[in-house]
Amino acid sequence: MSAIRPPAVAGLFYPADARQLSREIQEFLAEARPFDLIPKALIVPHAGYAYSGATAATAYATLRAASVHIRRVVLLGPTHRVAVRGLALPGEEAFDTPLGRIMLDRAAMQSIAHFPQVVVSERVHAQEHSLEVQLPFLQTVLSDFTLLPLAMPTASSEEVAEVLESVWGGEETLIVVSSDLSHYLPYDTCQQVDSNTARAILKLQQPISHEQACGGTPVNGLLLAAKRHHLEAHLLDLRNSGDTAGTRDQVVGYAAFAFTGGKTRAP
């Protein structure tokens, strides 16, 4: 068993060269319009940076105001290659990216290992991009943090929310859900479908189906937990691949949301 998970999609979803990657992220962040919010949780897309990087940057630029307090990131995302029931932890001790090494929160991993819905699977994490593409952004915006990564193809909202509750923490803990929206619809149809999905998320209404969001499983768990904690959802950005780097025949939707503990204005 390797103690380190190497990057699987560097050079595919984002640049493998550290300088190029850092420069690209900084450009995305410089062009993003941050909101005046202190997020407890985010929903961020996970496509290749050419497609969804600008949308992701809106979330991470908004995070900068709270970054000084954040010491742990609970990162949840769907699986695209390996199926498993429940929420999968990796077996490694750290994740590498071209920007460096992120240590996993072993204490938090051990604290949730007793839940029957939590499993350990290196195979699930080995080639999964939904979590990995968030890491360079997090490394850029946060100064020092540990990671609790959870990948899940199938789990109930209650199962996800139960695990989130146990690691909810305070201002030192950020929750990030990695999810794109609808897939391979015509441009106009995508806009309509994703607008409806965004409205549901803003109202903390679930279930969100996997046709509406590929990360429907972690999204639904976050919405349930957010409702219990009386969080407020904010739409930061909504667009699709037809707006960024693709054709408009079949597009993929992207959105960024922030969840806060109260009403906060956007600039």
C-alpha atoms as a PDB file:
ATOM      1  CA  MET A   1       0.000   0.000   0.000  1.00  0.00           C
ATOM      2  CA  SER A   2       1.412   3.367  -1.022  1.00  0.00           C
ATOM      3  CA  ALA A   3       1.319   6.069   1.634  1.00  0.00           C
ATOM      4  CA  ILE A   4       0.980   8.793  -0.999  1.00  0.00           C
ATOM      5  CA  ARG A   5      -1.657   9.180  -3.710  1.00  0.00           C
ATOM      6  CA  PRO A   6       0.038  10.713  -6.768  1.00  0.00           C
ATOM      7  CA  PRO A   7      -1.932  13.019  -9.063  1.00  0.00           C
ATOM      8  CA  ALA A   8      -3.949  11.060 -11.620  1.00  0.00           C
ATOM      9  CA  VAL A   9      -5.226  13.781 -13.961  1.00  0.00           C
ATOM     10  CA  ALA A  10      -2.392  16.337 -13.964  1.00  0.00           C
ATOM     11  CA  GLY A  11      -1.718  17.134 -17.595  1.00  0.00           C
ATOM     12  CA  LEU A  12      -5.291  16.191 -18.501  1.00  0.00           C
ATOM     13  CA  PHE A  13      -7.714  18.259 -16.411  1.00  0.00           C
ATOM     14  CA  TYR A  14      -5.138  20.850 -15.384  1.00  0.00           C
ATOM     15  CA  PRO A  15      -1.455  21.589 -16.135  1.00  0.00           C
ATOM     16  CA  ALA A  16       1.128  19.136 -14.808  1.00  0.00           C
ATOM     17  CA  ASP A  17       3.831  21.784 -14.629  1.00  0.00           C
ATOM     18  CA  ALA A  18       3.749  23.541 -11.250  1.00  0.00           C
ATOM     19  CA  ARG A  19       4.589  26.999 -12.582  1.00  0.00           C
ATOM     20  CA  GLN A  20       2.049  26.803 -15.377  1.00  0.00           C
ATOM     21  CA  LEU A  21      -0.582  25.450 -13.001  1.00  0.00           C
ATOM     22  CA  SER A  22       0.051  28.173 -10.439  1.00  0.00           C
ATOM     23  CA  ARG A  23      -0.065  30.864 -13.104  1.00  0.00           C
ATOM     24  CA  GLU A  24      -3.331  29.522 -14.544  1.00  0.00           C
ATOM     25  CA  ILE A  25      -5.033  29.401 -11.149  1.00  0.00           C
ATOM     26  CA  GLN A  26      -3.859  32.908 -10.284  1.00  0.00           C
ATOM     27  CA  GLU A  27      -5.282  34.158 -13.582  1.00  0.00           C
ATOM     28  CA  PHE A  28      -8.625  32.499 -12.881  1.00  0.00           C
ATOM     29  CA  LEU A  29      -8.712  34.003  -9.392  1.00  0.00           C
ATOM     30  CA  ALA A  30      -7.743  37.467 -10.650  1.00  0.00           C
ATOM     31  CA  GLU A  31     -10.599  37.426 -13.148  1.00  0.00           C
ATOM     32  CA  ALA A  32     -13.167  36.071 -10.670  1.00  0.00           C
ATOM     33  CA  ARG A  33     -15.705  38.280  -8.936  1.00  0.00           C
ATOM     34  CA  PRO A  34     -15.567  37.371  -5.244  1.00  0.00           C
ATOM     35  CA  PHE A  35     -18.604  37.734  -3.000  1.00  0.00           C
ATOM     36  CA  ASP A  36     -18.516  39.285   0.443  1.00  0.00           C
ATOM     37  CA  LEU A  37     -19.268  36.034   2.255  1.00  0.00           C
ATOM     38  CA  ILE A  38     -17.693  33.799   4.886  1.00  0.00           C
ATOM     39  CA  PRO A  39     -18.508  30.300   3.595  1.00  0.00           C
ATOM     40  CA  LYS A  40     -18.919  27.258   5.776  1.00  0.00           C
ATOM     41  CA  ALA A  41     -19.424  25.124   2.679  1.00  0.00           C
ATOM     42  CA  LEU A  42     -19.029  25.343  -1.082  1.00  0.00           C
ATOM     43  CA  ILE A  43     -20.321  23.494  -4.120  1.00  0.00           C
ATOM     44  CA  VAL A  44     -17.717  23.691  -6.902  1.00  0.00           C
ATOM     45  CA  PRO A  45     -17.556  22.092 -10.386  1.00  0.00           C
ATOM     46  CA  HIS A  46     -14.871  19.581 -11.330  1.00  0.00           C
ATOM     47  CA  ALA A  47     -14.371  19.567 -15.097  1.00  0.00           C
ATOM     48  CA  GLY A  48     -11.119  20.408 -16.828  1.00  0.00           C
ATOM     49  CA  TYR A  49      -9.983  23.904 -15.930  1.00  0.00           C
ATOM     50  CA  ALA A  50     -10.542  25.166 -19.479  1.00  0.00           C
ATOM     51  CA  TYR A  51     -14.224  24.351 -19.039  1.00  0.00           C
ATOM     52  CA  SER A  52     -15.074  24.990 -15.378  1.00  0.00           C
ATOM     53  CA  GLY A  53     -12.016  26.718 -13.925  1.00  0.00           C
ATOM     54  CA  ALA A  54     -13.566  30.173 -14.134  1.00  0.00           C
ATOM     55  CA  THR A  55     -16.675  29.031 -12.258  1.00  0.00           C
ATOM     56  CA  ALA A  56     -14.602  27.238  -9.622  1.00  0.00           C
ATOM     57  CA  ALA A  57     -12.464  30.357  -9.196  1.00  0.00           C
ATOM     58  CA  THR A  58     -15.526  32.380  -8.181  1.00  0.00           C
ATOM     59  CA  ALA A  59     -15.993  30.056  -5.212  1.00  0.00           C
ATOM     60  CA  TYR A  60     -12.347  30.022  -4.252  1.00  0.00           C
ATOM     61  CA  ALA A  61     -11.939  33.785  -4.623  1.00  0.00           C
ATOM     62  CA  THR A  62     -14.907  34.186  -2.261  1.00  0.00           C
ATOM     63  CA  LEU A  63     -13.170  31.845   0.180  1.00  0.00           C
ATOM     64  CA  ARG A  64     -10.140  34.105   0.608  1.00  0.00           C
ATOM     65  CA  ALA A  65     -11.740  36.252   3.328  1.00  0.00           C
ATOM     66  CA  ALA A  66     -12.186  33.187   5.540  1.00  0.00           C
ATOM     67  CA  SER A  67      -8.991  31.410   4.544  1.00  0.00           C
ATOM     68  CA  VAL A  68      -6.952  32.524   7.547  1.00  0.00           C
ATOM     69  CA  HIS A  69      -9.159  30.467   9.877  1.00  0.00           C
ATOM     70  CA  ILE A  70      -9.460  27.271   7.806  1.00  0.00           C
ATOM     71  CA  ARG A  71      -7.276  24.367   8.905  1.00  0.00           C
ATOM     72  CA  ARG A  72      -9.258  21.385   7.620  1.00  0.00           C
ATOM     73  CA  VAL A  73     -11.147  20.736   4.394  1.00  0.00           C
ATOM     74  CA  VAL A  74     -13.792  18.022   4.222  1.00  0.00           C
ATOM     75  CA  LEU A  75     -13.953  17.273   0.496  1.00  0.00           C
ATOM     76  CA  LEU A  76     -16.788  15.199  -0.956  1.00  0.00           C
ATOM     77  CA  GLY A  77     -17.347  14.175  -4.551  1.00  0.00           C
ATOM     78  CA  PRO A  78     -18.870  11.534  -6.800  1.00  0.00           C
ATOM     79  CA  THR A  79     -16.995   8.620  -8.320  1.00  0.00           C
ATOM     80  CA  HIS A  80     -16.711   8.232 -12.089  1.00  0.00           C
ATOM     81  CA  ARG A  81     -14.737   4.987 -12.443  1.00  0.00           C
ATOM     82  CA  VAL A  82     -15.101   2.654  -9.452  1.00  0.00           C
ATOM     83  CA  ALA A  83     -18.426   1.798  -7.848  1.00  0.00           C
ATOM     84  CA  VAL A  84     -18.769   1.198  -4.129  1.00  0.00           C
ATOM     85  CA  ARG A  85     -21.634   1.497  -1.682  1.00  0.00           C
ATOM     86  CA  GLY A  86     -21.236   4.276   0.848  1.00  0.00           C
ATOM     87  CA  LEU A  87     -18.622   6.952   1.464  1.00  0.00           C
ATOM     88  CA  ALA A  88     -15.084   5.883   0.580  1.00  0.00           C
ATOM     89  CA  LEU A  89     -11.995   7.061   2.412  1.00  0.00           C
ATOM     90  CA  PRO A  90      -8.580   6.551   0.807  1.00  0.00           C
ATOM     91  CA  GLY A  91      -5.959   4.305   2.347  1.00  0.00           C
ATOM     92  CA  GLU A  92      -3.119   6.775   1.909  1.00  0.00           C
ATOM     93  CA  GLU A  93      -1.673   9.322   4.316  1.00  0.00           C
ATOM     94  CA  ALA A  94      -1.312  12.188   1.832  1.00  0.00           C
ATOM     95  CA  PHE A  95      -2.331  13.404  -1.629  1.00  0.00           C
ATOM     96  CA  ASP A  96       0.215  14.925  -3.990  1.00  0.00           C
ATOM     97  CA  THR A  97      -0.397  17.535  -6.681  1.00  0.00           C
ATOM     98  CA  PRO A  98       2.102  19.470  -8.819  1.00  0.00           C
ATOM     99  CA  LEU A  99       1.881  22.196  -6.156  1.00  0.00           C
ATOM    100  CA  GLY A 100       2.969  19.937  -3.307  1.00  0.00           C
ATOM    101  CA  ARG A 101       1.723  17.494  -0.700  1.00  0.00           C
ATOM    102  CA  ILE A 102      -1.490  17.655   1.335  1.00  0.00           C
ATOM    103  CA  MET A 103      -1.591  15.591   4.500  1.00  0.00           C
ATOM    104  CA  LEU A 104      -4.805  13.764   5.273  1.00  0.00           C
ATOM    105  CA  ASP A 105      -6.567  14.258   8.584  1.00  0.00           C
ATOM    106  CA  ARG A 106      -5.949  10.802   9.993  1.00  0.00           C
ATOM    107  CA  ALA A 107      -7.673  11.596  13.297  1.00  0.00           C
ATOM    108  CA  ALA A 108     -10.851  12.661  11.490  1.00  0.00           C
ATOM    109  CA  MET A 109     -10.661   9.600   9.235  1.00  0.00           C
ATOM    110  CA  GLN A 110     -10.437   7.347  12.277  1.00  0.00           C
ATOM    111  CA  SER A 111     -13.287   9.203  13.976  1.00  0.00           C
ATOM    112  CA  ILE A 112     -15.734   8.329  11.181  1.00  0.00           C
ATOM    113  CA  ALA A 113     -14.465   4.815  10.436  1.00  0.00           C
ATOM    114  CA  HIS A 114     -17.090   3.283  12.737  1.00  0.00           C
ATOM    115  CA  PHE A 115     -19.998   4.448  10.586  1.00  0.00           C
ATOM    116  CA  PRO A 116     -21.375   1.488   8.608  1.00  0.00           C
ATOM    117  CA  GLN A 117     -21.636   3.654   5.473  1.00  0.00           C
ATOM    118  CA  VAL A 118     -17.913   4.536   5.571  1.00  0.00           C
ATOM    119  CA  VAL A 119     -15.466   2.244   3.770  1.00  0.00           C
ATOM    120  CA  VAL A 120     -11.768   2.451   2.865  1.00  0.00           C
ATOM    121  CA  SER A 121     -10.842   2.015  -0.791  1.00  0.00           C
ATOM    122  CA  GLU A 122      -7.660   3.097  -2.532  1.00  0.00           C
ATOM    123  CA  ARG A 123      -9.177   1.900  -5.832  1.00  0.00           C
ATOM    124  CA  VAL A 124     -12.014   4.411  -5.602  1.00  0.00           C
ATOM    125  CA  HIS A 125      -9.619   7.319  -5.150  1.00  0.00           C
ATOM    126  CA  ALA A 126      -6.755   6.189  -7.387  1.00  0.00           C
ATOM    127  CA  GLN A 127      -8.022   7.618 -10.700  1.00  0.00           C
ATOM    128  CA  GLU A 128     -10.899   9.806  -9.472  1.00  0.00           C
ATOM    129  CA  HIS A 129     -10.757  13.402 -10.712  1.00  0.00           C
ATOM    130  CA  SER A 130     -13.716  14.956  -8.893  1.00  0.00           C
ATOM    131  CA  LEU A 131     -11.706  15.516  -5.708  1.00  0.00           C
ATOM    132  CA  GLU A 132      -8.287  15.970  -7.265  1.00  0.00           C
ATOM    133  CA  VAL A 133      -9.146  18.989  -9.420  1.00  0.00           C
ATOM    134  CA  GLN A 134     -10.153  20.947  -6.304  1.00  0.00           C
ATOM    135  CA  LEU A 135      -6.795  20.481  -4.604  1.00  0.00           C
ATOM    136  CA  PRO A 136      -4.612  22.979  -6.534  1.00  0.00           C
ATOM    137  CA  PHE A 137      -7.213  25.702  -5.945  1.00  0.00           C
ATOM    138  CA  LEU A 138      -7.306  24.871  -2.237  1.00  0.00           C
ATOM    139  CA  GLN A 139      -3.516  24.856  -2.052  1.00  0.00           C
ATOM    140  CA  THR A 140      -3.440  28.290  -3.656  1.00  0.00           C
ATOM    141  CA  VAL A 141      -6.090  29.946  -1.474  1.00  0.00           C
ATOM    142  CA  LEU A 142      -5.414  28.288   1.893  1.00  0.00           C
ATOM    143  CA  SER A 143      -2.132  28.585   3.739  1.00  0.00           C
ATOM    144  CA  ASP A 144      -2.048  25.331   5.704  1.00  0.00           C
ATOM    145  CA  PHE A 145      -4.720  22.650   5.952  1.00  0.00           C
ATOM    146  CA  THR A 146      -5.341  18.938   6.261  1.00  0.00           C
ATOM    147  CA  LEU A 147      -7.756  17.044   4.049  1.00  0.00           C
ATOM    148  CA  LEU A 148     -10.594  14.629   4.723  1.00  0.00           C
ATOM    149  CA  PRO A 149     -11.499  13.220   1.280  1.00  0.00           C
ATOM    150  CA  LEU A 150     -14.691  11.207   0.733  1.00  0.00           C
ATOM    151  CA  ALA A 151     -15.757   9.782  -2.628  1.00  0.00           C
ATOM    152  CA  MET A 152     -19.235   8.347  -3.077  1.00  0.00           C
ATOM    153  CA  PRO A 153     -21.257   6.908  -5.909  1.00  0.00           C
ATOM    154  CA  THR A 154     -24.263   5.873  -3.820  1.00  0.00           C
ATOM    155  CA  ALA A 155     -25.359   6.834  -0.322  1.00  0.00           C
ATOM    156  CA  SER A 156     -28.486   8.324   1.172  1.00  0.00           C
ATOM    157  CA  SER A 157     -28.764  11.975   2.157  1.00  0.00           C
ATOM    158  CA  GLU A 158     -29.003  10.920   5.780  1.00  0.00           C
ATOM    159  CA  GLU A 159     -25.862   8.778   5.542  1.00  0.00           C
ATOM    160  CA  VAL A 160     -23.861  11.666   4.100  1.00  0.00           C
ATOM    161  CA  ALA A 161     -25.315  14.211   6.540  1.00  0.00           C
ATOM    162  CA  GLU A 162     -24.550  11.926   9.493  1.00  0.00           C
ATOM    163  CA  VAL A 163     -20.871  11.835   8.573  1.00  0.00           C
ATOM    164  CA  LEU A 164     -20.788  15.578   7.917  1.00  0.00           C
ATOM    165  CA  GLU A 165     -22.324  16.244  11.314  1.00  0.00           C
ATOM    166  CA  SER A 166     -19.561  14.320  13.050  1.00  0.00           C
ATOM    167  CA  VAL A 167     -16.814  16.428  11.412  1.00  0.00           C
ATOM    168  CA  TRP A 168     -18.724  19.716  11.149  1.00  0.00           C
ATOM    169  CA  GLY A 169     -16.391  21.596  13.477  1.00  0.00           C
ATOM    170  CA  GLY A 170     -16.227  25.385  13.610  1.00  0.00           C
ATOM    171  CA  GLU A 171     -14.608  28.062  11.472  1.00  0.00           C
ATOM    172  CA  GLU A 172     -11.514  25.874  11.136  1.00  0.00           C
ATOM    173  CA  THR A 173     -13.455  23.362   9.021  1.00  0.00           C
ATOM    174  CA  LEU A 174     -14.550  23.998   5.436  1.00  0.00           C
ATOM    175  CA  ILE A 175     -16.837  21.605   3.566  1.00  0.00           C
ATOM    176  CA  VAL A 176     -16.439  21.394  -0.202  1.00  0.00           C
ATOM    177  CA  VAL A 177     -18.754  19.374  -2.438  1.00  0.00           C
ATOM    178  CA  SER A 178     -17.448  18.734  -5.937  1.00  0.00           C
ATOM    179  CA  SER A 179     -20.205  18.509  -8.555  1.00  0.00           C
ATOM    180  CA  ASP A 180     -21.032  19.507 -12.098  1.00  0.00           C
ATOM    181  CA  LEU A 181     -24.660  20.004 -13.108  1.00  0.00           C
ATOM    182  CA  SER A 182     -26.514  18.582 -16.139  1.00  0.00           C
ATOM    183  CA  HIS A 183     -24.635  16.691 -18.849  1.00  0.00           C
ATOM    184  CA  TYR A 184     -24.796  16.696 -22.655  1.00  0.00           C
ATOM    185  CA  LEU A 185     -27.963  18.707 -23.167  1.00  0.00           C
ATOM    186  CA  PRO A 186     -28.452  21.359 -25.857  1.00  0.00           C
ATOM    187  CA  TYR A 187     -27.364  24.794 -24.634  1.00  0.00           C
ATOM    188  CA  ASP A 188     -30.838  26.292 -24.110  1.00  0.00           C
ATOM    189  CA  THR A 189     -32.145  23.134 -22.426  1.00  0.00           C
ATOM    190  CA  CYS A 190     -29.138  23.049 -20.136  1.00  0.00           C
ATOM    191  CA  GLN A 191     -29.732  26.647 -19.085  1.00  0.00           C
ATOM    192  CA  GLN A 192     -33.331  25.869 -18.159  1.00  0.00           C
ATOM    193  CA  VAL A 193     -32.544  22.619 -16.329  1.00  0.00           C
ATOM    194  CA  ASP A 194     -29.605  24.097 -14.420  1.00  0.00           C
ATOM    195  CA  SER A 195     -31.575  27.203 -13.453  1.00  0.00           C
ATOM    196  CA  ASN A 196     -34.232  24.968 -11.911  1.00  0.00           C
ATOM    197  CA  THR A 197     -31.551  22.974 -10.084  1.00  0.00           C
ATOM    198  CA  ALA A 198     -29.940  26.156  -8.796  1.00  0.00           C
ATOM    199  CA  ARG A 199     -33.267  27.380  -7.448  1.00  0.00           C
ATOM    200  CA  ALA A 200     -33.760  24.099  -5.586  1.00  0.00           C
ATOM    201  CA  ILE A 201     -30.280  24.280  -4.073  1.00  0.00           C
ATOM    202  CA  LEU A 202     -30.848  27.873  -2.974  1.00  0.00           C
ATOM    203  CA  LYS A 203     -33.962  26.689  -1.141  1.00  0.00           C
ATOM    204  CA  LEU A 204     -32.017  23.721   0.334  1.00  0.00           C
ATOM    205  CA  GLN A 205     -34.500  21.424  -1.372  1.00  0.00           C
ATOM    206  CA  GLN A 206     -33.498  17.852  -2.096  1.00  0.00           C
ATOM    207  CA  PRO A 207     -33.352  15.358  -3.658  1.00  0.00           C
ATOM    208  CA  ILE A 208     -31.193  16.624  -6.497  1.00  0.00           C
ATOM    209  CA  SER A 209     -31.055  13.788  -9.037  1.00  0.00           C
ATOM    210  CA  HIS A 210     -27.892  12.544 -10.710  1.00  0.00           C
ATOM    211  CA  GLU A 211     -29.302  13.839 -13.983  1.00  0.00           C
ATOM    212  CA  GLN A 212     -29.394  17.317 -12.442  1.00  0.00           C
ATOM    213  CA  ALA A 213     -25.948  17.036 -10.830  1.00  0.00           C
ATOM    214  CA  CYS A 214     -23.380  14.273 -11.172  1.00  0.00           C
ATOM    215  CA  GLY A 215     -22.528  14.899  -7.519  1.00  0.00           C
ATOM    216  CA  GLY A 216     -26.129  14.553  -6.458  1.00  0.00           C
ATOM    217  CA  THR A 217     -25.219  12.191  -3.609  1.00  0.00           C
ATOM    218  CA  PRO A 218     -22.900  14.584  -1.714  1.00  0.00           C
ATOM    219  CA  VAL A 219     -24.999  17.606  -2.732  1.00  0.00           C
ATOM    220  CA  ASN A 220     -28.091  16.080  -1.135  1.00  0.00           C
ATOM    221  CA  GLY A 221     -26.193  15.260   2.038  1.00  0.00           C
ATOM    222  CA  LEU A 222     -24.876  18.814   2.254  1.00  0.00           C
ATOM    223  CA  LEU A 223     -28.336  20.295   1.679  1.00  0.00           C
ATOM    224  CA  LEU A 224     -29.757  18.209   4.508  1.00  0.00           C
ATOM    225  CA  ALA A 225     -26.934  19.205   6.850  1.00  0.00           C
ATOM    226  CA  ALA A 226     -27.159  22.860   5.780  1.00  0.00           C
ATOM    227  CA  LYS A 227     -30.871  22.915   6.551  1.00  0.00           C
ATOM    228  CA  ARG A 228     -30.273  21.457   9.996  1.00  0.00           C
ATOM    229  CA  HIS A 229     -27.590  24.064  10.672  1.00  0.00           C
ATOM    230  CA  HIS A 230     -29.753  26.898   9.318  1.00  0.00           C
ATOM    231  CA  LEU A 231     -27.258  27.833   6.634  1.00  0.00           C
ATOM    232  CA  GLU A 232     -28.142  30.099   3.741  1.00  0.00           C
ATOM    233  CA  ALA A 233     -27.192  29.191   0.164  1.00  0.00           C
ATOM    234  CA  HIS A 234     -25.830  31.759  -2.299  1.00  0.00           C
ATOM    235  CA  LEU A 235     -25.407  31.289  -6.052  1.00  0.00           C
ATOM    236  CA  LEU A 236     -21.978  32.615  -7.028  1.00  0.00           C
ATOM    237  CA  ASP A 237     -21.839  31.607 -10.684  1.00  0.00           C
ATOM    238  CA  LEU A 238     -23.840  29.594 -13.204  1.00  0.00           C
ATOM    239  CA  ARG A 239     -22.683  28.787 -16.719  1.00  0.00           C
ATOM    240  CA  ASN A 240     -21.885  25.814 -18.930  1.00  0.00           C
ATOM    241  CA  SER A 241     -19.236  24.500 -21.289  1.00  0.00           C
ATOM    242  CA  GLY A 242     -20.882  26.351 -24.175  1.00  0.00           C
ATOM    243  CA  ASP A 243     -19.940  29.586 -22.404  1.00  0.00           C
ATOM    244  CA  THR A 244     -16.314  28.609 -21.882  1.00  0.00           C
ATOM    245  CA  ALA A 245     -14.509  26.116 -24.096  1.00  0.00           C
ATOM    246  CA  GLY A 246     -17.010  23.927 -25.923  1.00  0.00           C
ATOM    247  CA  THR A 247     -19.699  23.864 -28.592  1.00  0.00           C
ATOM    248  CA  ARG A 248     -23.343  24.490 -27.774  1.00  0.00           C
ATOM    249  CA  ASP A 249     -24.711  21.238 -29.195  1.00  0.00           C
ATOM    250  CA  GLN A 250     -24.112  19.181 -26.056  1.00  0.00           C
ATOM    251  CA  VAL A 251     -22.979  21.055 -22.972  1.00  0.00           C
ATOM    252  CA  VAL A 252     -22.197  20.387 -19.322  1.00  0.00           C
ATOM    253  CA  GLY A 253     -23.472  22.736 -16.637  1.00  0.00           C
ATOM    254  CA  TYR A 254     -21.329  24.305 -13.923  1.00  0.00           C
ATOM    255  CA  ALA A 255     -22.294  26.265 -10.830  1.00  0.00           C
ATOM    256  CA  ALA A 256     -20.636  27.574  -7.706  1.00  0.00           C
ATOM    257  CA  PHE A 257     -22.527  27.968  -4.434  1.00  0.00           C
ATOM    258  CA  ALA A 258     -21.530  29.179  -1.000  1.00  0.00           C
ATOM    259  CA  PHE A 259     -23.309  28.297   2.235  1.00  0.00           C
ATOM    260  CA  THR A 260     -23.089  30.729   5.124  1.00  0.00           C
ATOM    261  CA  GLY A 261     -24.425  30.989   8.650  1.00  0.00           C
ATOM    262  CA  GLY A 262     -26.488  34.098   8.032  1.00  0.00           C
ATOM    263  CA  LYS A 263     -27.450  36.813   5.594  1.00  0.00           C
ATOM    264  CA  THR A 264     -24.409  38.453   4.064  1.00  0.00           C
ATOM    265  CA  ARG A 265     -24.421  40.855   1.195  1.00  0.00           C
ATOM    266  CA  ALA A 266     -22.628  40.381  -2.137  1.00  0.00           C
ATOM    267  CA  PRO A 267     -20.819  43.381  -3.623  1.00  0.00           C
END
